[in-house]
N, C-alpha and C. Protein backbone atom coordinates (compact mmCIF):
# COMPACT_ATOMS: atom_id res chain seq x y z
N MET A 1 16.26 28.61 -3.50
CA MET A 1 15.85 28.38 -2.13
C MET A 1 14.54 27.60 -2.14
N SER A 2 14.55 26.47 -1.51
CA SER A 2 13.36 25.63 -1.39
C SER A 2 12.66 25.95 -0.07
N THR A 3 11.39 26.29 -0.15
CA THR A 3 10.66 26.64 1.07
C THR A 3 9.65 25.55 1.40
N LYS A 4 9.40 25.42 2.68
CA LYS A 4 8.43 24.45 3.18
C LYS A 4 7.48 25.15 4.14
N ILE A 5 6.28 24.61 4.25
CA ILE A 5 5.32 25.07 5.24
C ILE A 5 5.22 23.95 6.25
N ARG A 6 5.64 24.22 7.48
CA ARG A 6 5.67 23.16 8.48
C ARG A 6 5.40 23.72 9.87
N LEU A 7 5.41 22.85 10.86
CA LEU A 7 5.12 23.23 12.23
C LEU A 7 6.40 23.56 12.99
N LYS A 8 6.31 24.57 13.84
CA LYS A 8 7.40 24.96 14.74
C LYS A 8 6.88 24.80 16.16
N ARG A 9 7.57 23.99 16.96
CA ARG A 9 7.07 23.69 18.30
C ARG A 9 7.34 24.83 19.28
N ASN A 10 6.31 25.17 20.04
CA ASN A 10 6.39 26.10 21.16
C ASN A 10 5.76 25.41 22.34
N GLY A 11 5.59 26.11 23.43
CA GLY A 11 4.92 25.54 24.58
C GLY A 11 5.90 24.95 25.57
N ARG A 12 5.34 24.23 26.54
CA ARG A 12 6.15 23.64 27.60
C ARG A 12 6.26 22.14 27.42
N LYS A 13 6.96 21.55 28.35
CA LYS A 13 7.09 20.11 28.39
C LYS A 13 5.71 19.49 28.62
N LYS A 14 5.33 18.56 27.78
CA LYS A 14 4.04 17.87 27.83
C LYS A 14 2.84 18.77 27.54
N LYS A 15 3.07 20.00 27.10
CA LYS A 15 1.99 20.91 26.71
C LYS A 15 2.39 21.57 25.39
N PRO A 16 2.35 20.81 24.30
CA PRO A 16 2.83 21.36 23.03
C PRO A 16 1.87 22.40 22.45
N PHE A 17 2.44 23.30 21.69
CA PHE A 17 1.72 24.32 20.96
C PHE A 17 2.55 24.58 19.72
N TYR A 18 1.95 24.62 18.57
CA TYR A 18 2.71 24.73 17.33
C TYR A 18 2.34 25.98 16.56
N ARG A 19 3.31 26.55 15.89
CA ARG A 19 3.11 27.63 14.94
C ARG A 19 3.23 27.04 13.54
N VAL A 20 2.38 27.47 12.63
CA VAL A 20 2.48 27.07 11.23
C VAL A 20 3.31 28.15 10.55
N ILE A 21 4.45 27.75 10.00
CA ILE A 21 5.39 28.73 9.46
C ILE A 21 5.85 28.36 8.05
N VAL A 22 6.35 29.36 7.35
CA VAL A 22 7.05 29.15 6.09
C VAL A 22 8.52 29.29 6.42
N ILE A 23 9.33 28.31 5.99
CA ILE A 23 10.73 28.27 6.38
C ILE A 23 11.56 27.69 5.25
N ASP A 24 12.81 28.10 5.19
CA ASP A 24 13.75 27.51 4.24
C ASP A 24 13.95 26.05 4.64
N SER A 25 13.96 25.15 3.68
CA SER A 25 14.02 23.72 3.99
C SER A 25 15.32 23.32 4.68
N ARG A 26 16.36 24.14 4.60
CA ARG A 26 17.63 23.80 5.24
C ARG A 26 17.72 24.23 6.69
N GLU A 27 16.73 24.99 7.16
CA GLU A 27 16.72 25.45 8.55
C GLU A 27 16.31 24.32 9.50
N LYS A 28 16.66 24.48 10.76
CA LYS A 28 16.23 23.53 11.79
C LYS A 28 14.73 23.68 12.03
N ARG A 29 14.15 22.72 12.76
CA ARG A 29 12.71 22.76 13.03
C ARG A 29 12.31 24.06 13.70
N ASP A 30 13.10 24.51 14.66
CA ASP A 30 12.78 25.73 15.38
C ASP A 30 13.63 26.91 14.93
N GLY A 31 14.11 26.86 13.70
CA GLY A 31 14.96 27.92 13.17
C GLY A 31 14.17 29.15 12.77
N ARG A 32 14.87 30.10 12.16
CA ARG A 32 14.26 31.37 11.77
C ARG A 32 13.27 31.16 10.62
N SER A 33 12.07 31.66 10.80
CA SER A 33 11.03 31.48 9.79
C SER A 33 10.93 32.69 8.88
N ILE A 34 10.34 32.49 7.71
CA ILE A 34 10.11 33.58 6.76
C ILE A 34 8.81 34.29 7.09
N GLU A 35 7.75 33.50 7.36
CA GLU A 35 6.45 34.08 7.70
C GLU A 35 5.68 33.14 8.61
N ASP A 36 4.90 33.73 9.50
CA ASP A 36 4.05 32.98 10.42
C ASP A 36 2.64 32.94 9.83
N LEU A 37 2.11 31.73 9.59
CA LEU A 37 0.81 31.59 8.95
C LEU A 37 -0.33 31.27 9.91
N GLY A 38 -0.01 30.90 11.14
CA GLY A 38 -1.07 30.57 12.09
C GLY A 38 -0.55 29.72 13.21
N TRP A 39 -1.49 29.04 13.90
CA TRP A 39 -1.11 28.20 15.04
C TRP A 39 -2.01 26.99 15.12
N PHE A 40 -1.54 26.00 15.92
CA PHE A 40 -2.27 24.75 16.14
C PHE A 40 -2.06 24.31 17.57
N ASP A 41 -3.17 24.05 18.27
CA ASP A 41 -3.13 23.56 19.65
C ASP A 41 -3.67 22.13 19.65
N PRO A 42 -2.78 21.12 19.71
CA PRO A 42 -3.25 19.74 19.64
C PRO A 42 -4.02 19.27 20.87
N LEU A 43 -3.82 19.90 22.01
CA LEU A 43 -4.52 19.49 23.22
C LEU A 43 -6.00 19.88 23.17
N LYS A 44 -6.29 21.01 22.58
CA LYS A 44 -7.68 21.47 22.45
C LYS A 44 -8.23 21.23 21.05
N ASP A 45 -7.37 20.74 20.16
CA ASP A 45 -7.72 20.48 18.76
C ASP A 45 -8.26 21.74 18.08
N LEU A 46 -7.54 22.85 18.24
CA LEU A 46 -7.90 24.13 17.62
C LEU A 46 -6.87 24.52 16.59
N VAL A 47 -7.34 25.13 15.51
CA VAL A 47 -6.47 25.56 14.42
C VAL A 47 -6.86 26.96 14.00
N SER A 48 -5.88 27.81 13.78
CA SER A 48 -6.11 29.11 13.18
C SER A 48 -5.06 29.30 12.10
N LEU A 49 -5.50 29.46 10.87
CA LEU A 49 -4.59 29.52 9.74
C LEU A 49 -5.02 30.62 8.79
N LYS A 50 -4.07 31.41 8.32
CA LYS A 50 -4.35 32.43 7.31
C LYS A 50 -4.37 31.73 5.95
N LEU A 51 -5.58 31.37 5.50
CA LEU A 51 -5.71 30.57 4.28
C LEU A 51 -5.26 31.33 3.04
N GLU A 52 -5.44 32.64 3.00
CA GLU A 52 -5.01 33.41 1.82
C GLU A 52 -3.49 33.33 1.66
N ARG A 53 -2.78 33.52 2.77
CA ARG A 53 -1.31 33.45 2.72
C ARG A 53 -0.84 32.02 2.48
N PHE A 54 -1.56 31.04 3.03
CA PHE A 54 -1.22 29.63 2.79
C PHE A 54 -1.33 29.32 1.30
N ASN A 55 -2.43 29.75 0.68
CA ASN A 55 -2.62 29.52 -0.76
C ASN A 55 -1.57 30.26 -1.58
N TYR A 56 -1.20 31.47 -1.15
CA TYR A 56 -0.16 32.22 -1.85
C TYR A 56 1.16 31.44 -1.86
N TRP A 57 1.59 30.98 -0.67
CA TRP A 57 2.86 30.28 -0.58
C TRP A 57 2.84 28.96 -1.33
N CYS A 58 1.71 28.27 -1.32
CA CYS A 58 1.61 27.04 -2.12
C CYS A 58 1.68 27.37 -3.61
N GLY A 59 1.13 28.51 -3.99
CA GLY A 59 1.16 28.93 -5.39
C GLY A 59 2.55 29.28 -5.89
N VAL A 60 3.41 29.76 -5.00
CA VAL A 60 4.77 30.12 -5.43
C VAL A 60 5.76 28.98 -5.22
N GLY A 61 5.25 27.80 -4.82
CA GLY A 61 6.12 26.63 -4.78
C GLY A 61 6.51 26.09 -3.42
N ALA A 62 5.99 26.65 -2.34
CA ALA A 62 6.30 26.11 -1.01
C ALA A 62 5.59 24.77 -0.84
N ILE A 63 6.26 23.84 -0.22
CA ILE A 63 5.73 22.49 -0.06
C ILE A 63 5.24 22.30 1.37
N PRO A 64 3.93 22.09 1.57
CA PRO A 64 3.43 21.89 2.93
C PRO A 64 3.69 20.46 3.41
N SER A 65 3.93 20.31 4.70
CA SER A 65 4.08 18.97 5.27
C SER A 65 2.71 18.30 5.29
N GLU A 66 2.70 16.98 5.51
CA GLU A 66 1.43 16.26 5.51
C GLU A 66 0.51 16.76 6.62
N ARG A 67 1.06 17.02 7.79
CA ARG A 67 0.25 17.49 8.92
C ARG A 67 -0.33 18.87 8.64
N VAL A 68 0.45 19.76 8.08
CA VAL A 68 -0.03 21.11 7.76
C VAL A 68 -1.11 21.05 6.69
N LEU A 69 -0.95 20.16 5.72
CA LEU A 69 -1.95 20.01 4.68
C LEU A 69 -3.28 19.54 5.27
N SER A 70 -3.23 18.60 6.22
CA SER A 70 -4.47 18.14 6.85
C SER A 70 -5.09 19.24 7.71
N LEU A 71 -4.26 20.06 8.36
CA LEU A 71 -4.79 21.18 9.15
C LEU A 71 -5.46 22.22 8.24
N ALA A 72 -4.87 22.47 7.07
CA ALA A 72 -5.46 23.43 6.14
C ALA A 72 -6.80 22.93 5.62
N LYS A 73 -6.89 21.64 5.33
CA LYS A 73 -8.17 21.08 4.89
C LYS A 73 -9.21 21.19 5.99
N LYS A 74 -8.81 20.94 7.23
CA LYS A 74 -9.72 21.05 8.36
C LYS A 74 -10.21 22.49 8.52
N GLN A 75 -9.30 23.44 8.37
CA GLN A 75 -9.66 24.86 8.48
C GLN A 75 -10.63 25.26 7.37
N LYS A 76 -10.39 24.77 6.15
CA LYS A 76 -11.28 25.09 5.03
C LYS A 76 -12.67 24.49 5.26
N ASP A 77 -12.72 23.26 5.77
CA ASP A 77 -14.01 22.63 6.05
C ASP A 77 -14.79 23.40 7.10
N GLU A 78 -14.12 23.85 8.14
CA GLU A 78 -14.78 24.61 9.21
C GLU A 78 -15.28 25.94 8.70
N SER A 79 -14.53 26.58 7.81
CA SER A 79 -14.95 27.88 7.29
C SER A 79 -16.15 27.74 6.34
N THR A 80 -16.25 26.63 5.61
CA THR A 80 -17.41 26.45 4.73
C THR A 80 -18.65 26.07 5.52
N LYS A 81 -18.50 25.40 6.65
CA LYS A 81 -19.66 25.04 7.47
C LYS A 81 -20.29 26.26 8.12
N THR A 82 -19.48 27.25 8.50
CA THR A 82 -20.01 28.43 9.16
C THR A 82 -20.66 29.40 8.18
N ASN A 83 -20.30 29.32 6.91
CA ASN A 83 -20.86 30.24 5.91
C ASN A 83 -22.13 29.75 5.35
């Protein structure tokens, strides 16, 4: 089973809201997920991501999408600035 870390769209028409999920690569975009890792609001440019679980899934072979990878880097940068 090949797993991916990608975005799942929620929200309304013209008001997107995304969940960052771990999902089997054969599932649809909005299909059943394995684990929920966080969320992303593009309208307010806010991100909340469980970095420990993200690192775990990357360690066991899950492949993050380009957008999720950039969101994780952004989250890591924000967490180092506050510390």
